[in-house]
Amino acid sequence: MSVTYIIGFNVRPEQRSRYLNLINGVLDAMRDEPMFVSATLHGDPADENRFLLHETWADHQDVLDVQLKRPYREEWHAALDELLAAPRDISQPMRSDYNQS
């Protein structure tokens, strides 16, 4: 069963460019993963340093066991403490509704 993560990022202003460079590299690499479904990065129009990532994968356990350990994520994970003004806010949807027509 697929799983979607909603991840909020509050980026330090002086790290915005580096954040975008690193996250774009991760998103570009994820696109080629067989269990990847979709990802959308949102920017907050009221605060250029706040971002929201909506990320969907085919299997939660694969994310934990395989995807988070991919080599292309190493630099990203190592930089998070420097990039972020606060810890990431990670949540999973409790309900999803779709138009049936």
N, C-alpha and C. Protein backbone atom coordinates (compact mmCIF):
# COMPACT_ATOMS: atom_id res chain seq x y z
N MET A 1 0.84 -1.18 0.00
CA MET A 1 0.00 0.00 0.00
C MET A 1 0.88 1.25 0.00
N SER A 2 0.54 2.20 -0.82
CA SER A 2 1.36 3.41 -0.92
C SER A 2 1.25 4.24 0.37
N VAL A 3 2.27 5.08 0.56
CA VAL A 3 2.32 5.94 1.73
C VAL A 3 2.76 7.33 1.28
N THR A 4 2.13 8.35 1.86
CA THR A 4 2.47 9.73 1.56
C THR A 4 2.99 10.40 2.81
N TYR A 5 4.08 11.13 2.66
CA TYR A 5 4.66 11.91 3.75
C TYR A 5 4.51 13.38 3.41
N ILE A 6 4.18 14.18 4.41
CA ILE A 6 4.13 15.62 4.30
C ILE A 6 5.24 16.13 5.21
N ILE A 7 6.22 16.82 4.62
CA ILE A 7 7.39 17.24 5.39
C ILE A 7 7.55 18.75 5.28
N GLY A 8 7.49 19.41 6.42
CA GLY A 8 7.66 20.85 6.47
C GLY A 8 9.09 21.22 6.80
N PHE A 9 9.61 22.23 6.10
CA PHE A 9 10.98 22.69 6.30
C PHE A 9 10.97 24.19 6.58
N ASN A 10 11.63 24.60 7.65
CA ASN A 10 11.84 26.01 7.96
C ASN A 10 13.35 26.24 7.79
N VAL A 11 13.73 26.83 6.66
CA VAL A 11 15.12 26.94 6.26
C VAL A 11 15.74 28.24 6.77
N ARG A 12 16.97 28.16 7.22
CA ARG A 12 17.71 29.36 7.62
C ARG A 12 17.87 30.24 6.37
N PRO A 13 17.59 31.52 6.47
CA PRO A 13 17.66 32.39 5.28
C PRO A 13 18.99 32.31 4.53
N GLU A 14 20.09 32.24 5.24
CA GLU A 14 21.40 32.19 4.58
C GLU A 14 21.68 30.84 3.94
N GLN A 15 20.84 29.84 4.20
CA GLN A 15 21.01 28.50 3.65
C GLN A 15 20.00 28.17 2.55
N ARG A 16 19.16 29.13 2.18
CA ARG A 16 18.09 28.87 1.21
C ARG A 16 18.62 28.32 -0.11
N SER A 17 19.61 28.93 -0.66
CA SER A 17 20.16 28.48 -1.94
C SER A 17 20.74 27.06 -1.83
N ARG A 18 21.46 26.81 -0.77
CA ARG A 18 22.03 25.47 -0.56
C ARG A 18 20.93 24.43 -0.37
N TYR A 19 19.91 24.79 0.42
CA TYR A 19 18.77 23.90 0.63
C TYR A 19 18.15 23.51 -0.71
N LEU A 20 17.86 24.50 -1.54
CA LEU A 20 17.21 24.23 -2.83
C LEU A 20 18.10 23.37 -3.72
N ASN A 21 19.39 23.63 -3.73
CA ASN A 21 20.31 22.83 -4.52
C ASN A 21 20.31 21.37 -4.06
N LEU A 22 20.39 21.16 -2.76
CA LEU A 22 20.43 19.79 -2.24
C LEU A 22 19.10 19.06 -2.41
N ILE A 23 18.00 19.72 -2.09
CA ILE A 23 16.72 19.01 -2.21
C ILE A 23 16.37 18.73 -3.67
N ASN A 24 16.74 19.63 -4.56
CA ASN A 24 16.49 19.36 -5.98
C ASN A 24 17.29 18.16 -6.46
N GLY A 25 18.50 18.00 -5.97
CA GLY A 25 19.29 16.83 -6.32
C GLY A 25 18.66 15.54 -5.83
N VAL A 26 18.15 15.56 -4.61
CA VAL A 26 17.48 14.37 -4.06
C VAL A 26 16.21 14.07 -4.85
N LEU A 27 15.41 15.09 -5.12
CA LEU A 27 14.16 14.88 -5.87
C LEU A 27 14.45 14.35 -7.27
N ASP A 28 15.47 14.87 -7.92
CA ASP A 28 15.83 14.38 -9.25
C ASP A 28 16.23 12.92 -9.22
N ALA A 29 16.97 12.51 -8.19
CA ALA A 29 17.41 11.11 -8.07
C ALA A 29 16.24 10.19 -7.70
N MET A 30 15.35 10.65 -6.84
CA MET A 30 14.21 9.83 -6.41
C MET A 30 13.33 9.44 -7.60
N ARG A 31 13.23 10.32 -8.54
CA ARG A 31 12.35 10.11 -9.69
C ARG A 31 12.61 8.78 -10.39
N ASP A 32 13.83 8.29 -10.34
CA ASP A 32 14.20 7.05 -11.02
C ASP A 32 14.05 5.79 -10.16
N GLU A 33 13.61 5.94 -8.92
CA GLU A 33 13.45 4.78 -8.04
C GLU A 33 12.18 4.02 -8.41
N PRO A 34 12.24 2.69 -8.44
CA PRO A 34 11.07 1.89 -8.85
C PRO A 34 9.87 2.03 -7.90
N MET A 35 10.10 2.32 -6.62
CA MET A 35 9.00 2.44 -5.66
C MET A 35 8.47 3.87 -5.54
N PHE A 36 9.09 4.80 -6.24
CA PHE A 36 8.67 6.20 -6.21
C PHE A 36 7.35 6.38 -6.95
N VAL A 37 6.44 7.16 -6.36
CA VAL A 37 5.16 7.47 -6.99
C VAL A 37 5.13 8.93 -7.43
N SER A 38 5.35 9.85 -6.48
CA SER A 38 5.31 11.28 -6.83
C SER A 38 5.91 12.12 -5.71
N ALA A 39 6.28 13.35 -6.06
CA ALA A 39 6.73 14.32 -5.07
C ALA A 39 6.41 15.72 -5.59
N THR A 40 5.98 16.58 -4.68
CA THR A 40 5.71 17.97 -5.01
C THR A 40 6.32 18.82 -3.91
N LEU A 41 7.16 19.77 -4.31
CA LEU A 41 7.75 20.71 -3.36
C LEU A 41 6.99 22.02 -3.47
N HIS A 42 6.47 22.48 -2.34
CA HIS A 42 5.70 23.73 -2.29
C HIS A 42 6.53 24.79 -1.57
N GLY A 43 6.41 26.03 -2.02
CA GLY A 43 7.00 27.17 -1.33
C GLY A 43 5.90 27.99 -0.70
N ASP A 44 6.14 28.50 0.48
CA ASP A 44 5.17 29.34 1.19
C ASP A 44 5.21 30.75 0.59
N PRO A 45 4.12 31.24 0.01
CA PRO A 45 4.15 32.58 -0.59
C PRO A 45 4.36 33.70 0.44
N ALA A 46 4.10 33.43 1.70
CA ALA A 46 4.27 34.44 2.74
C ALA A 46 5.67 34.41 3.37
N ASP A 47 6.43 33.33 3.13
CA ASP A 47 7.76 33.19 3.73
C ASP A 47 8.62 32.36 2.79
N GLU A 48 9.55 32.98 2.10
CA GLU A 48 10.36 32.28 1.11
C GLU A 48 11.27 31.21 1.69
N ASN A 49 11.36 31.12 3.00
CA ASN A 49 12.22 30.13 3.64
C ASN A 49 11.45 28.96 4.24
N ARG A 50 10.16 28.90 3.95
CA ARG A 50 9.33 27.78 4.41
C ARG A 50 8.90 26.96 3.20
N PHE A 51 9.06 25.65 3.32
CA PHE A 51 8.74 24.73 2.23
C PHE A 51 7.95 23.55 2.77
N LEU A 52 7.17 22.94 1.88
CA LEU A 52 6.41 21.76 2.22
C LEU A 52 6.62 20.74 1.10
N LEU A 53 7.04 19.54 1.48
CA LEU A 53 7.26 18.47 0.52
C LEU A 53 6.18 17.42 0.69
N HIS A 54 5.50 17.10 -0.38
CA HIS A 54 4.44 16.09 -0.43
C HIS A 54 5.02 14.94 -1.23
N GLU A 55 5.34 13.82 -0.57
CA GLU A 55 6.11 12.74 -1.17
C GLU A 55 5.37 11.41 -1.02
N THR A 56 5.15 10.70 -2.13
CA THR A 56 4.41 9.44 -2.10
C THR A 56 5.29 8.32 -2.65
N TRP A 57 5.29 7.21 -1.91
CA TRP A 57 6.05 6.01 -2.26
C TRP A 57 5.12 4.81 -2.26
N ALA A 58 5.48 3.77 -2.98
CA ALA A 58 4.65 2.57 -3.09
C ALA A 58 4.60 1.77 -1.80
N ASP A 59 5.65 1.88 -0.95
CA ASP A 59 5.71 1.03 0.23
C ASP A 59 6.48 1.71 1.36
N HIS A 60 5.86 1.83 2.52
CA HIS A 60 6.47 2.48 3.68
C HIS A 60 7.73 1.75 4.14
N GLN A 61 7.68 0.44 4.21
CA GLN A 61 8.84 -0.32 4.70
C GLN A 61 10.03 -0.17 3.77
N ASP A 62 9.78 -0.09 2.46
CA ASP A 62 10.86 0.14 1.51
C ASP A 62 11.51 1.51 1.75
N VAL A 63 10.72 2.50 2.09
CA VAL A 63 11.28 3.82 2.40
C VAL A 63 12.24 3.71 3.57
N LEU A 64 11.81 3.03 4.63
CA LEU A 64 12.65 2.89 5.83
C LEU A 64 13.89 2.04 5.59
N ASP A 65 13.72 0.93 4.90
CA ASP A 65 14.81 -0.03 4.75
C ASP A 65 15.76 0.27 3.59
N VAL A 66 15.25 0.93 2.55
CA VAL A 66 16.04 1.11 1.32
C VAL A 66 16.22 2.59 0.97
N GLN A 67 15.13 3.31 0.79
CA GLN A 67 15.19 4.65 0.22
C GLN A 67 15.97 5.64 1.09
N LEU A 68 15.74 5.62 2.38
CA LEU A 68 16.43 6.57 3.25
C LEU A 68 17.94 6.33 3.32
N LYS A 69 18.38 5.16 2.87
CA LYS A 69 19.80 4.80 2.91
C LYS A 69 20.50 4.96 1.57
N ARG A 70 19.81 5.49 0.58
CA ARG A 70 20.41 5.67 -0.75
C ARG A 70 21.59 6.64 -0.66
N PRO A 71 22.68 6.36 -1.39
CA PRO A 71 23.85 7.24 -1.36
C PRO A 71 23.56 8.70 -1.75
N TYR A 72 22.60 8.92 -2.64
CA TYR A 72 22.31 10.29 -3.06
C TYR A 72 21.68 11.13 -1.95
N ARG A 73 21.29 10.49 -0.85
CA ARG A 73 20.70 11.23 0.29
C ARG A 73 21.73 11.60 1.35
N GLU A 74 22.94 11.06 1.27
CA GLU A 74 23.93 11.25 2.33
C GLU A 74 24.26 12.72 2.58
N GLU A 75 24.59 13.47 1.53
CA GLU A 75 24.93 14.88 1.71
C GLU A 75 23.74 15.67 2.25
N TRP A 76 22.55 15.35 1.75
CA TRP A 76 21.31 15.99 2.21
C TRP A 76 21.11 15.77 3.71
N HIS A 77 21.16 14.53 4.14
CA HIS A 77 20.94 14.24 5.57
C HIS A 77 22.02 14.88 6.44
N ALA A 78 23.27 14.86 5.98
CA ALA A 78 24.36 15.44 6.75
C ALA A 78 24.21 16.95 6.90
N ALA A 79 23.57 17.61 5.96
CA ALA A 79 23.45 19.07 5.97
C ALA A 79 22.22 19.58 6.71
N LEU A 80 21.29 18.74 7.07
CA LEU A 80 20.01 19.22 7.62
C LEU A 80 20.16 20.13 8.83
N ASP A 81 21.05 19.79 9.77
CA ASP A 81 21.21 20.64 10.95
C ASP A 81 21.66 22.05 10.59
N GLU A 82 22.48 22.18 9.57
CA GLU A 82 22.95 23.50 9.13
C GLU A 82 21.87 24.22 8.32
N LEU A 83 21.10 23.49 7.55
CA LEU A 83 20.11 24.09 6.66
C LEU A 83 18.88 24.61 7.38
N LEU A 84 18.45 23.90 8.40
CA LEU A 84 17.14 24.16 9.00
C LEU A 84 17.21 24.97 10.28
N ALA A 85 16.24 25.89 10.42
CA ALA A 85 16.12 26.69 11.63
C ALA A 85 15.40 25.93 12.74
N ALA A 86 14.68 24.88 12.36
CA ALA A 86 13.93 24.05 13.31
C ALA A 86 13.87 22.64 12.72
N PRO A 87 13.64 21.64 13.55
CA PRO A 87 13.54 20.27 13.01
C PRO A 87 12.41 20.16 11.98
N ARG A 88 12.57 19.22 11.06
CA ARG A 88 11.52 18.96 10.07
C ARG A 88 10.23 18.56 10.78
N ASP A 89 9.13 18.93 10.17
CA ASP A 89 7.81 18.54 10.65
C ASP A 89 7.30 17.46 9.69
N ILE A 90 7.30 16.20 10.14
CA ILE A 90 6.93 15.08 9.27
C ILE A 90 5.60 14.51 9.72
N SER A 91 4.66 14.38 8.77
CA SER A 91 3.37 13.78 9.09
C SER A 91 2.92 12.89 7.94
N GLN A 92 1.95 12.05 8.24
CA GLN A 92 1.34 11.19 7.23
C GLN A 92 -0.15 11.47 7.24
N PRO A 93 -0.76 11.54 6.05
CA PRO A 93 -2.21 11.79 6.00
C PRO A 93 -2.99 10.69 6.72
N MET A 94 -4.09 11.09 7.31
CA MET A 94 -4.98 10.14 7.97
C MET A 94 -6.15 9.78 7.06
N ARG A 95 -6.39 10.61 6.05
CA ARG A 95 -7.53 10.36 5.16
C ARG A 95 -7.25 11.02 3.82
N SER A 96 -7.64 10.34 2.75
CA SER A 96 -7.55 10.88 1.41
C SER A 96 -8.86 10.65 0.69
N ASP A 97 -9.34 11.66 0.03
CA ASP A 97 -10.58 11.56 -0.74
C ASP A 97 -10.30 11.91 -2.19
N TYR A 98 -11.00 11.24 -3.10
CA TYR A 98 -10.81 11.47 -4.52
C TYR A 98 -12.16 11.60 -5.22
N ASN A 99 -12.21 12.36 -6.24
CA ASN A 99 -13.39 12.49 -7.06
C ASN A 99 -13.58 11.18 -7.81
N GLN A 100 -14.74 10.59 -7.69
CA GLN A 100 -15.01 9.28 -8.30
C GLN A 100 -15.54 9.39 -9.73
N SER A 101 -15.79 10.60 -10.20
CA SER A 101 -16.36 10.72 -11.55
C SER A 101 -15.30 10.71 -12.62
